[in-house]
Amino acid sequence: MTGSAAPTVAGATRPWHEIMRDVLKQNQVRLATYVPDNVLRPLLDVLHADRDFTTFATTREEEAVGIVAGAWMGGMRGCVLMQTSGFATLANAIASLAVPFQIPVVMIVSERGTLGEFNWGQALTCRTMRPVLDSLAIEHHTISRLDEVEFITDRTIKQAVMTQAPAALILSPLLTGGKVLKK
């Protein structure tokens, strides 16, 4: 099975981004902030098209975290979508806002820097992401297969909300197809 679709009852397939949208919705996540990313484009498109979501681009990932934190304080659940290099800018915002104030910022990160990456900077940044998450004691899971999307996304959101702690969902290129250098 490829990373693009999951079996359904009728034998048809559903892509990862539709499954993720549905799980976000089931968990009352209604706000999605992001810095544009081509790998996340399918998810961004379905979130923008769904009237249940407020979805908009920010200029920086720290801004997106601040908006989701403010939304949480106002009673709305949100998530931040970014690529690996965007996560690299977040240590201070997460460590000084989300962690100490117990804000369940759910980060959805398209993993760059591995499996054929063409950008050296992305490769270096990818090596720091999980150690930074670990050092901040942030729960994180990598989703590599389509059959993992629903369970891991659902349980990660539930745990973040129940423990009032940030969490990260890392979307492997095995799931999304990643970003490929076009010649």
N, C-alpha and C. Protein backbone atom coordinates (compact mmCIF):
# COMPACT_ATOMS: atom_id res chain seq x y z
N MET A 1 0.84 -1.18 0.00
CA MET A 1 0.00 0.00 0.00
C MET A 1 0.88 1.23 0.00
N THR A 2 0.53 2.21 -0.77
CA THR A 2 1.28 3.45 -0.80
C THR A 2 0.83 4.35 0.33
N GLY A 3 1.55 5.44 0.53
CA GLY A 3 1.22 6.38 1.59
C GLY A 3 0.08 7.31 1.27
N SER A 4 -0.55 7.18 0.12
CA SER A 4 -1.51 8.19 -0.28
C SER A 4 -2.97 7.87 0.06
N ALA A 5 -3.31 6.64 0.34
CA ALA A 5 -4.72 6.36 0.56
C ALA A 5 -4.91 5.17 1.49
N ALA A 6 -6.05 5.15 2.21
CA ALA A 6 -6.38 4.06 3.12
C ALA A 6 -7.65 3.39 2.66
N PRO A 7 -7.78 2.08 2.91
CA PRO A 7 -9.01 1.40 2.52
C PRO A 7 -10.21 1.92 3.30
N THR A 8 -11.36 1.89 2.69
CA THR A 8 -12.60 2.26 3.36
C THR A 8 -13.55 1.07 3.27
N VAL A 9 -14.71 1.21 3.87
CA VAL A 9 -15.69 0.13 3.89
C VAL A 9 -16.06 -0.34 2.49
N ALA A 10 -16.25 0.60 1.58
CA ALA A 10 -16.68 0.25 0.24
C ALA A 10 -15.52 -0.22 -0.65
N GLY A 11 -14.31 -0.30 -0.08
CA GLY A 11 -13.17 -0.72 -0.85
C GLY A 11 -12.47 0.43 -1.56
N ALA A 12 -13.04 1.62 -1.47
CA ALA A 12 -12.40 2.79 -2.05
C ALA A 12 -11.25 3.20 -1.13
N THR A 13 -10.52 4.21 -1.50
CA THR A 13 -9.41 4.65 -0.67
C THR A 13 -9.59 6.10 -0.27
N ARG A 14 -8.99 6.43 0.88
CA ARG A 14 -9.02 7.81 1.37
C ARG A 14 -7.58 8.26 1.58
N PRO A 15 -7.24 9.43 1.13
CA PRO A 15 -5.88 9.93 1.33
C PRO A 15 -5.61 10.34 2.78
N TRP A 16 -4.34 10.37 3.14
CA TRP A 16 -3.93 10.69 4.52
C TRP A 16 -4.48 12.02 4.99
N HIS A 17 -4.49 13.00 4.10
CA HIS A 17 -4.91 14.34 4.53
C HIS A 17 -6.41 14.41 4.85
N GLU A 18 -7.23 13.62 4.18
CA GLU A 18 -8.66 13.59 4.52
C GLU A 18 -8.88 12.89 5.86
N ILE A 19 -8.14 11.84 6.11
CA ILE A 19 -8.24 11.14 7.40
C ILE A 19 -7.83 12.09 8.51
N MET A 20 -6.72 12.79 8.32
CA MET A 20 -6.23 13.71 9.34
C MET A 20 -7.23 14.84 9.58
N ARG A 21 -7.80 15.39 8.52
CA ARG A 21 -8.82 16.44 8.67
C ARG A 21 -9.98 15.93 9.52
N ASP A 22 -10.45 14.73 9.23
CA ASP A 22 -11.59 14.17 9.95
C ASP A 22 -11.26 13.94 11.42
N VAL A 23 -10.06 13.49 11.72
CA VAL A 23 -9.66 13.28 13.11
C VAL A 23 -9.53 14.61 13.84
N LEU A 24 -8.97 15.61 13.19
CA LEU A 24 -8.91 16.94 13.80
C LEU A 24 -10.33 17.40 14.16
N LYS A 25 -11.24 17.24 13.22
CA LYS A 25 -12.62 17.67 13.43
C LYS A 25 -13.27 16.90 14.58
N GLN A 26 -13.07 15.58 14.63
CA GLN A 26 -13.64 14.75 15.70
C GLN A 26 -13.13 15.17 17.07
N ASN A 27 -11.93 15.73 17.10
CA ASN A 27 -11.33 16.17 18.36
C ASN A 27 -11.51 17.67 18.62
N GLN A 28 -12.47 18.27 17.94
CA GLN A 28 -12.82 19.68 18.09
C GLN A 28 -11.67 20.65 17.84
N VAL A 29 -10.70 20.24 17.03
CA VAL A 29 -9.66 21.17 16.60
C VAL A 29 -10.27 21.97 15.45
N ARG A 30 -10.39 23.27 15.64
CA ARG A 30 -11.09 24.11 14.65
C ARG A 30 -10.21 25.20 14.05
N LEU A 31 -9.01 25.38 14.60
CA LEU A 31 -8.10 26.41 14.12
C LEU A 31 -6.83 25.75 13.61
N ALA A 32 -6.42 26.11 12.40
CA ALA A 32 -5.16 25.60 11.84
C ALA A 32 -4.36 26.80 11.34
N THR A 33 -3.22 27.03 11.99
CA THR A 33 -2.31 28.08 11.56
C THR A 33 -1.10 27.42 10.92
N TYR A 34 -0.47 28.09 9.98
CA TYR A 34 0.64 27.45 9.27
C TYR A 34 1.51 28.47 8.56
N VAL A 35 2.72 28.04 8.27
CA VAL A 35 3.57 28.71 7.30
C VAL A 35 3.49 27.81 6.07
N PRO A 36 3.22 28.35 4.89
CA PRO A 36 3.00 27.51 3.71
C PRO A 36 4.09 26.48 3.47
N ASP A 37 3.65 25.29 3.06
CA ASP A 37 4.56 24.16 2.83
C ASP A 37 3.94 23.29 1.74
N ASN A 38 4.69 23.00 0.71
CA ASN A 38 4.17 22.19 -0.40
C ASN A 38 3.80 20.77 0.01
N VAL A 39 4.56 20.17 0.92
CA VAL A 39 4.26 18.80 1.35
C VAL A 39 2.91 18.75 2.07
N LEU A 40 2.62 19.78 2.85
CA LEU A 40 1.35 19.84 3.59
C LEU A 40 0.20 20.40 2.75
N ARG A 41 0.46 20.80 1.53
CA ARG A 41 -0.57 21.41 0.68
C ARG A 41 -1.86 20.61 0.62
N PRO A 42 -1.83 19.28 0.47
CA PRO A 42 -3.11 18.55 0.43
C PRO A 42 -3.94 18.73 1.71
N LEU A 43 -3.28 18.71 2.87
CA LEU A 43 -3.99 18.91 4.13
C LEU A 43 -4.48 20.35 4.24
N LEU A 44 -3.64 21.29 3.88
CA LEU A 44 -4.05 22.69 3.93
C LEU A 44 -5.26 22.94 3.03
N ASP A 45 -5.26 22.34 1.85
CA ASP A 45 -6.37 22.52 0.92
C ASP A 45 -7.68 22.00 1.49
N VAL A 46 -7.66 20.80 2.10
CA VAL A 46 -8.92 20.26 2.64
C VAL A 46 -9.37 21.02 3.88
N LEU A 47 -8.43 21.56 4.65
CA LEU A 47 -8.82 22.36 5.81
C LEU A 47 -9.42 23.69 5.37
N HIS A 48 -8.81 24.32 4.38
CA HIS A 48 -9.35 25.58 3.86
C HIS A 48 -10.75 25.37 3.27
N ALA A 49 -10.98 24.24 2.64
CA ALA A 49 -12.27 23.98 1.98
C ALA A 49 -13.37 23.61 2.97
N ASP A 50 -13.02 23.26 4.19
CA ASP A 50 -13.99 22.81 5.18
C ASP A 50 -14.42 23.99 6.04
N ARG A 51 -15.70 24.29 6.03
CA ARG A 51 -16.24 25.46 6.75
C ARG A 51 -16.13 25.32 8.27
N ASP A 52 -15.84 24.13 8.77
CA ASP A 52 -15.69 23.94 10.21
C ASP A 52 -14.35 24.45 10.74
N PHE A 53 -13.42 24.76 9.84
CA PHE A 53 -12.09 25.19 10.25
C PHE A 53 -11.85 26.67 9.94
N THR A 54 -11.12 27.31 10.83
CA THR A 54 -10.54 28.61 10.56
C THR A 54 -9.07 28.32 10.27
N THR A 55 -8.65 28.61 9.05
CA THR A 55 -7.32 28.22 8.60
C THR A 55 -6.66 29.41 7.92
N PHE A 56 -5.46 29.75 8.37
CA PHE A 56 -4.77 30.86 7.73
C PHE A 56 -3.26 30.76 7.91
N ALA A 57 -2.56 31.39 6.97
CA ALA A 57 -1.10 31.42 6.99
C ALA A 57 -0.60 32.49 7.95
N THR A 58 0.55 32.22 8.54
CA THR A 58 1.24 33.20 9.39
C THR A 58 2.61 33.46 8.77
N THR A 59 3.27 34.48 9.26
CA THR A 59 4.58 34.82 8.71
C THR A 59 5.70 33.97 9.30
N ARG A 60 5.51 33.51 10.53
CA ARG A 60 6.52 32.68 11.20
C ARG A 60 5.82 31.64 12.06
N GLU A 61 6.52 30.56 12.33
CA GLU A 61 5.97 29.48 13.14
C GLU A 61 5.71 29.94 14.57
N GLU A 62 6.56 30.81 15.11
CA GLU A 62 6.35 31.32 16.46
C GLU A 62 5.03 32.07 16.56
N GLU A 63 4.71 32.82 15.52
CA GLU A 63 3.43 33.54 15.45
C GLU A 63 2.27 32.54 15.48
N ALA A 64 2.41 31.47 14.71
CA ALA A 64 1.36 30.45 14.66
C ALA A 64 1.15 29.82 16.04
N VAL A 65 2.23 29.53 16.76
CA VAL A 65 2.12 28.97 18.11
C VAL A 65 1.43 29.97 19.03
N GLY A 66 1.80 31.23 18.96
CA GLY A 66 1.16 32.25 19.80
C GLY A 66 -0.33 32.37 19.54
N ILE A 67 -0.73 32.28 18.29
CA ILE A 67 -2.16 32.36 17.95
C ILE A 67 -2.91 31.14 18.49
N VAL A 68 -2.33 29.96 18.33
CA VAL A 68 -2.97 28.75 18.85
C VAL A 68 -3.03 28.80 20.38
N ALA A 69 -1.99 29.32 21.01
CA ALA A 69 -2.00 29.46 22.48
C ALA A 69 -3.12 30.40 22.92
N GLY A 70 -3.24 31.52 22.24
CA GLY A 70 -4.32 32.46 22.58
C GLY A 70 -5.69 31.87 22.34
N ALA A 71 -5.83 31.11 21.26
CA ALA A 71 -7.11 30.45 20.98
C ALA A 71 -7.46 29.47 22.10
N TRP A 72 -6.48 28.71 22.57
CA TRP A 72 -6.72 27.77 23.66
C TRP A 72 -7.21 28.51 24.90
N MET A 73 -6.59 29.63 25.21
CA MET A 73 -7.00 30.41 26.37
C MET A 73 -8.42 30.95 26.20
N GLY A 74 -8.84 31.12 24.95
CA GLY A 74 -10.19 31.57 24.66
C GLY A 74 -11.18 30.43 24.44
N GLY A 75 -10.75 29.19 24.63
CA GLY A 75 -11.65 28.05 24.54
C GLY A 75 -11.69 27.34 23.20
N MET A 76 -10.74 27.63 22.31
CA MET A 76 -10.73 26.97 21.00
C MET A 76 -9.47 26.13 20.85
N ARG A 77 -9.64 24.93 20.30
CA ARG A 77 -8.49 24.06 20.04
C ARG A 77 -7.91 24.35 18.66
N GLY A 78 -6.58 24.31 18.59
CA GLY A 78 -5.91 24.58 17.33
C GLY A 78 -4.68 23.73 17.12
N CYS A 79 -4.15 23.83 15.91
CA CYS A 79 -2.92 23.13 15.57
C CYS A 79 -2.05 24.05 14.73
N VAL A 80 -0.77 23.74 14.70
CA VAL A 80 0.20 24.48 13.91
C VAL A 80 0.81 23.52 12.90
N LEU A 81 0.77 23.88 11.62
CA LEU A 81 1.34 23.05 10.56
C LEU A 81 2.62 23.71 10.06
N MET A 82 3.66 22.91 9.88
CA MET A 82 4.96 23.44 9.48
C MET A 82 5.82 22.34 8.90
N GLN A 83 6.96 22.72 8.32
CA GLN A 83 7.94 21.72 7.91
C GLN A 83 9.05 21.69 8.95
N THR A 84 9.94 20.72 8.82
CA THR A 84 11.00 20.51 9.80
C THR A 84 11.79 21.77 10.08
N SER A 85 12.18 22.51 9.05
CA SER A 85 12.99 23.71 9.27
C SER A 85 12.20 24.77 10.05
N GLY A 86 10.90 24.80 9.89
CA GLY A 86 10.08 25.72 10.67
C GLY A 86 10.07 25.35 12.13
N PHE A 87 10.08 24.06 12.42
CA PHE A 87 10.15 23.63 13.81
C PHE A 87 11.42 24.13 14.47
N ALA A 88 12.50 24.21 13.69
CA ALA A 88 13.79 24.62 14.25
C ALA A 88 13.74 26.02 14.86
N THR A 89 12.77 26.81 14.50
CA THR A 89 12.67 28.17 15.04
C THR A 89 11.83 28.24 16.32
N LEU A 90 11.27 27.12 16.77
CA LEU A 90 10.25 27.15 17.82
C LEU A 90 10.69 26.88 19.25
N ALA A 91 11.92 26.51 19.49
CA ALA A 91 12.30 26.09 20.84
C ALA A 91 11.91 27.11 21.90
N ASN A 92 12.17 28.38 21.68
CA ASN A 92 11.85 29.40 22.68
C ASN A 92 10.34 29.55 22.88
N ALA A 93 9.58 29.61 21.80
CA ALA A 93 8.13 29.78 21.93
C ALA A 93 7.49 28.60 22.65
N ILE A 94 7.97 27.42 22.36
CA ILE A 94 7.41 26.23 23.02
C ILE A 94 7.86 26.19 24.49
N ALA A 95 9.16 26.43 24.72
CA ALA A 95 9.69 26.33 26.08
C ALA A 95 9.22 27.45 26.99
N SER A 96 8.94 28.63 26.45
CA SER A 96 8.56 29.76 27.32
C SER A 96 7.06 30.04 27.33
N LEU A 97 6.30 29.43 26.42
CA LEU A 97 4.85 29.67 26.38
C LEU A 97 4.06 28.39 26.55
N ALA A 98 4.16 27.50 25.60
CA ALA A 98 3.30 26.31 25.60
C ALA A 98 3.57 25.37 26.77
N VAL A 99 4.83 25.09 27.05
CA VAL A 99 5.14 24.14 28.13
C VAL A 99 4.80 24.71 29.50
N PRO A 100 5.33 25.87 29.90
CA PRO A 100 5.05 26.33 31.27
C PRO A 100 3.59 26.71 31.53
N PHE A 101 2.88 27.13 30.50
CA PHE A 101 1.49 27.52 30.69
C PHE A 101 0.52 26.39 30.34
N GLN A 102 1.07 25.20 30.11
CA GLN A 102 0.29 23.98 29.87
C GLN A 102 -0.74 24.16 28.75
N ILE A 103 -0.23 24.56 27.59
CA ILE A 103 -1.09 24.78 26.43
C ILE A 103 -0.86 23.64 25.44
N PRO A 104 -1.89 22.89 25.12
CA PRO A 104 -1.74 21.73 24.23
C PRO A 104 -1.64 22.12 22.75
N VAL A 105 -0.53 22.75 22.40
CA VAL A 105 -0.28 23.10 21.01
C VAL A 105 0.04 21.81 20.26
N VAL A 106 -0.81 21.46 19.31
CA VAL A 106 -0.57 20.28 18.48
C VAL A 106 0.16 20.74 17.23
N MET A 107 1.39 20.23 17.05
CA MET A 107 2.21 20.59 15.90
C MET A 107 2.16 19.45 14.90
N ILE A 108 1.89 19.78 13.66
CA ILE A 108 1.90 18.80 12.57
C ILE A 108 3.05 19.20 11.66
N VAL A 109 4.07 18.35 11.62
CA VAL A 109 5.32 18.69 10.97
C VAL A 109 5.58 17.78 9.78
N SER A 110 5.72 18.37 8.59
CA SER A 110 6.13 17.57 7.44
C SER A 110 7.64 17.38 7.54
N GLU A 111 8.04 16.13 7.59
CA GLU A 111 9.45 15.82 7.79
C GLU A 111 10.24 16.00 6.50
N ARG A 112 11.18 16.90 6.56
CA ARG A 112 12.15 17.10 5.48
C ARG A 112 13.52 16.73 6.04
N GLY A 113 14.48 16.53 5.17
CA GLY A 113 15.84 16.28 5.62
C GLY A 113 16.23 14.82 5.65
N THR A 114 15.39 13.97 5.10
CA THR A 114 15.65 12.53 5.12
C THR A 114 15.10 11.90 3.84
N LEU A 115 15.44 10.67 3.61
CA LEU A 115 14.92 9.90 2.48
C LEU A 115 15.01 10.62 1.14
N GLY A 116 16.24 10.97 0.77
CA GLY A 116 16.47 11.58 -0.53
C GLY A 116 16.41 13.09 -0.53
N GLU A 117 16.50 13.71 0.64
CA GLU A 117 16.45 15.17 0.72
C GLU A 117 17.57 15.79 -0.12
N PHE A 118 17.24 16.87 -0.81
CA PHE A 118 18.20 17.55 -1.67
C PHE A 118 18.74 18.83 -1.04
N ASN A 119 18.16 19.27 0.06
CA ASN A 119 18.56 20.53 0.68
C ASN A 119 19.37 20.22 1.94
N TRP A 120 20.66 20.57 1.92
CA TRP A 120 21.56 20.26 3.04
C TRP A 120 21.05 20.87 4.35
N GLY A 121 20.53 22.09 4.30
CA GLY A 121 20.00 22.73 5.49
C GLY A 121 18.86 21.95 6.11
N GLN A 122 17.99 21.41 5.28
CA GLN A 122 16.89 20.58 5.79
C GLN A 122 17.43 19.32 6.46
N ALA A 123 18.45 18.72 5.85
CA ALA A 123 19.04 17.50 6.42
C ALA A 123 19.62 17.77 7.80
N LEU A 124 20.31 18.89 7.96
CA LEU A 124 20.88 19.23 9.27
C LEU A 124 19.79 19.51 10.29
N THR A 125 18.79 20.26 9.89
CA THR A 125 17.70 20.61 10.80
C THR A 125 16.93 19.37 11.25
N CYS A 126 16.72 18.44 10.35
CA CYS A 126 15.98 17.22 10.68
C CYS A 126 16.63 16.46 11.83
N ARG A 127 17.94 16.50 11.88
CA ARG A 127 18.68 15.77 12.93
C ARG A 127 18.47 16.38 14.32
N THR A 128 18.01 17.63 14.38
CA THR A 128 17.83 18.29 15.67
C THR A 128 16.40 18.21 16.20
N MET A 129 15.43 17.93 15.33
CA MET A 129 14.03 18.03 15.73
C MET A 129 13.67 17.10 16.89
N ARG A 130 13.91 15.82 16.76
CA ARG A 130 13.52 14.89 17.82
C ARG A 130 14.29 15.12 19.12
N PRO A 131 15.61 15.40 19.07
CA PRO A 131 16.30 15.72 20.32
C PRO A 131 15.74 16.96 21.02
N VAL A 132 15.34 17.97 20.26
CA VAL A 132 14.74 19.16 20.87
C VAL A 132 13.40 18.79 21.51
N LEU A 133 12.58 18.05 20.79
CA LEU A 133 11.30 17.61 21.37
C LEU A 133 11.53 16.80 22.64
N ASP A 134 12.50 15.90 22.61
CA ASP A 134 12.80 15.09 23.80
C ASP A 134 13.29 15.97 24.95
N SER A 135 14.15 16.94 24.66
CA SER A 135 14.69 17.78 25.74
C SER A 135 13.61 18.64 26.39
N LEU A 136 12.55 18.96 25.63
CA LEU A 136 11.43 19.73 26.18
C LEU A 136 10.33 18.82 26.74
N ALA A 137 10.59 17.51 26.74
CA ALA A 137 9.63 16.50 27.23
C ALA A 137 8.30 16.60 26.48
N ILE A 138 8.38 16.82 25.17
CA ILE A 138 7.18 16.92 24.35
C ILE A 138 6.92 15.59 23.67
N GLU A 139 5.73 15.07 23.89
CA GLU A 139 5.29 13.84 23.24
C GLU A 139 5.34 14.03 21.73
N HIS A 140 5.91 13.07 21.02
CA HIS A 140 5.96 13.16 19.56
C HIS A 140 5.91 11.77 18.95
N HIS A 141 5.23 11.70 17.82
CA HIS A 141 5.08 10.44 17.10
C HIS A 141 5.28 10.70 15.62
N THR A 142 5.96 9.78 14.97
CA THR A 142 6.15 9.86 13.53
C THR A 142 5.15 8.94 12.85
N ILE A 143 4.43 9.48 11.90
CA ILE A 143 3.45 8.69 11.14
C ILE A 143 4.09 8.37 9.79
N SER A 144 4.29 7.08 9.55
CA SER A 144 4.96 6.63 8.33
C SER A 144 4.02 5.90 7.38
N ARG A 145 2.94 5.36 7.93
CA ARG A 145 2.02 4.54 7.12
C ARG A 145 0.60 5.07 7.23
N LEU A 146 -0.12 4.87 6.18
CA LEU A 146 -1.50 5.33 6.12
C LEU A 146 -2.36 4.72 7.22
N ASP A 147 -2.13 3.46 7.54
CA ASP A 147 -2.95 2.80 8.56
C ASP A 147 -2.66 3.31 9.97
N GLU A 148 -1.66 4.19 10.13
CA GLU A 148 -1.35 4.79 11.42
C GLU A 148 -1.99 6.17 11.63
N VAL A 149 -2.40 6.80 10.55
CA VAL A 149 -2.82 8.21 10.61
C VAL A 149 -3.93 8.43 11.62
N GLU A 150 -5.00 7.68 11.51
CA GLU A 150 -6.16 7.91 12.37
C GLU A 150 -5.83 7.67 13.84
N PHE A 151 -5.26 6.53 14.16
CA PHE A 151 -4.99 6.17 15.55
C PHE A 151 -4.00 7.13 16.20
N ILE A 152 -2.86 7.35 15.55
CA ILE A 152 -1.82 8.18 16.15
C ILE A 152 -2.29 9.63 16.27
N THR A 153 -2.94 10.15 15.26
CA THR A 153 -3.42 11.53 15.32
C THR A 153 -4.45 11.69 16.44
N ASP A 154 -5.42 10.79 16.49
CA ASP A 154 -6.47 10.84 17.51
C ASP A 154 -5.89 10.76 18.92
N ARG A 155 -5.06 9.77 19.16
CA ARG A 155 -4.53 9.58 20.52
C ARG A 155 -3.58 10.70 20.92
N THR A 156 -2.83 11.23 19.99
CA THR A 156 -1.91 12.33 20.31
C THR A 156 -2.69 13.59 20.69
N ILE A 157 -3.73 13.90 19.95
CA ILE A 157 -4.55 15.07 20.29
C ILE A 157 -5.21 14.88 21.65
N LYS A 158 -5.79 13.71 21.87
CA LYS A 158 -6.45 13.45 23.15
C LYS A 158 -5.47 13.58 24.31
N GLN A 159 -4.27 13.03 24.17
CA GLN A 159 -3.27 13.11 25.24
C GLN A 159 -2.84 14.55 25.46
N ALA A 160 -2.62 15.30 24.39
CA ALA A 160 -2.22 16.71 24.53
C ALA A 160 -3.27 17.49 25.32
N VAL A 161 -4.53 17.30 24.99
CA VAL A 161 -5.61 18.02 25.67
C VAL A 161 -5.74 17.56 27.12
N MET A 162 -5.72 16.26 27.35
CA MET A 162 -5.91 15.75 28.73
C MET A 162 -4.75 16.13 29.64
N THR A 163 -3.52 16.14 29.11
CA THR A 163 -2.35 16.47 29.93
C THR A 163 -2.00 17.95 29.85
N GLN A 164 -2.70 18.69 28.99
CA GLN A 164 -2.43 20.10 28.74
C GLN A 164 -0.94 20.33 28.46
N ALA A 165 -0.47 19.58 27.46
CA ALA A 165 0.94 19.66 27.06
C ALA A 165 1.04 19.66 25.54
N PRO A 166 2.02 20.36 25.00
CA PRO A 166 2.21 20.33 23.55
C PRO A 166 2.54 18.93 23.06
N ALA A 167 2.28 18.68 21.79
CA ALA A 167 2.59 17.38 21.19
C ALA A 167 2.89 17.61 19.71
N ALA A 168 3.65 16.69 19.13
CA ALA A 168 4.01 16.83 17.72
C ALA A 168 3.69 15.55 16.96
N LEU A 169 3.10 15.73 15.79
CA LEU A 169 2.88 14.66 14.83
C LEU A 169 3.84 14.92 13.67
N ILE A 170 4.77 14.02 13.47
CA ILE A 170 5.77 14.16 12.41
C ILE A 170 5.33 13.29 11.25
N LEU A 171 5.11 13.91 10.10
CA LEU A 171 4.64 13.18 8.93
C LEU A 171 5.82 12.80 8.06
N SER A 172 6.14 11.52 8.06
CA SER A 172 7.27 10.99 7.32
C SER A 172 7.04 11.10 5.81
N PRO A 173 8.12 11.24 5.03
CA PRO A 173 7.98 11.19 3.58
C PRO A 173 7.41 9.85 3.10
N LEU A 174 7.53 8.81 3.92
CA LEU A 174 6.92 7.53 3.56
C LEU A 174 5.40 7.65 3.47
N LEU A 175 4.83 8.58 4.22
CA LEU A 175 3.39 8.84 4.20
C LEU A 175 3.02 9.87 3.13
N THR A 176 3.73 10.99 3.13
CA THR A 176 3.35 12.12 2.29
C THR A 176 3.96 12.12 0.90
N GLY A 177 5.01 11.36 0.72
CA GLY A 177 5.75 11.40 -0.54
C GLY A 177 6.89 12.39 -0.49
N GLY A 178 6.89 13.25 0.52
CA GLY A 178 7.98 14.21 0.70
C GLY A 178 8.07 15.24 -0.40
N LYS A 179 9.19 15.90 -0.43
CA LYS A 179 9.44 16.92 -1.46
C LYS A 179 10.58 16.42 -2.34
N VAL A 180 10.37 16.51 -3.62
CA VAL A 180 11.34 15.98 -4.57
C VAL A 180 11.89 17.13 -5.42
N LEU A 181 13.18 17.10 -5.65
CA LEU A 181 13.82 18.11 -6.50
C LEU A 181 13.34 17.92 -7.93
N LYS A 182 12.80 18.98 -8.49
CA LYS A 182 12.33 18.93 -9.87
C LYS A 182 13.41 19.49 -10.77
N LYS A 183 13.75 18.72 -11.81
CA LYS A 183 14.81 19.16 -12.72
C LYS A 183 14.25 19.82 -13.93
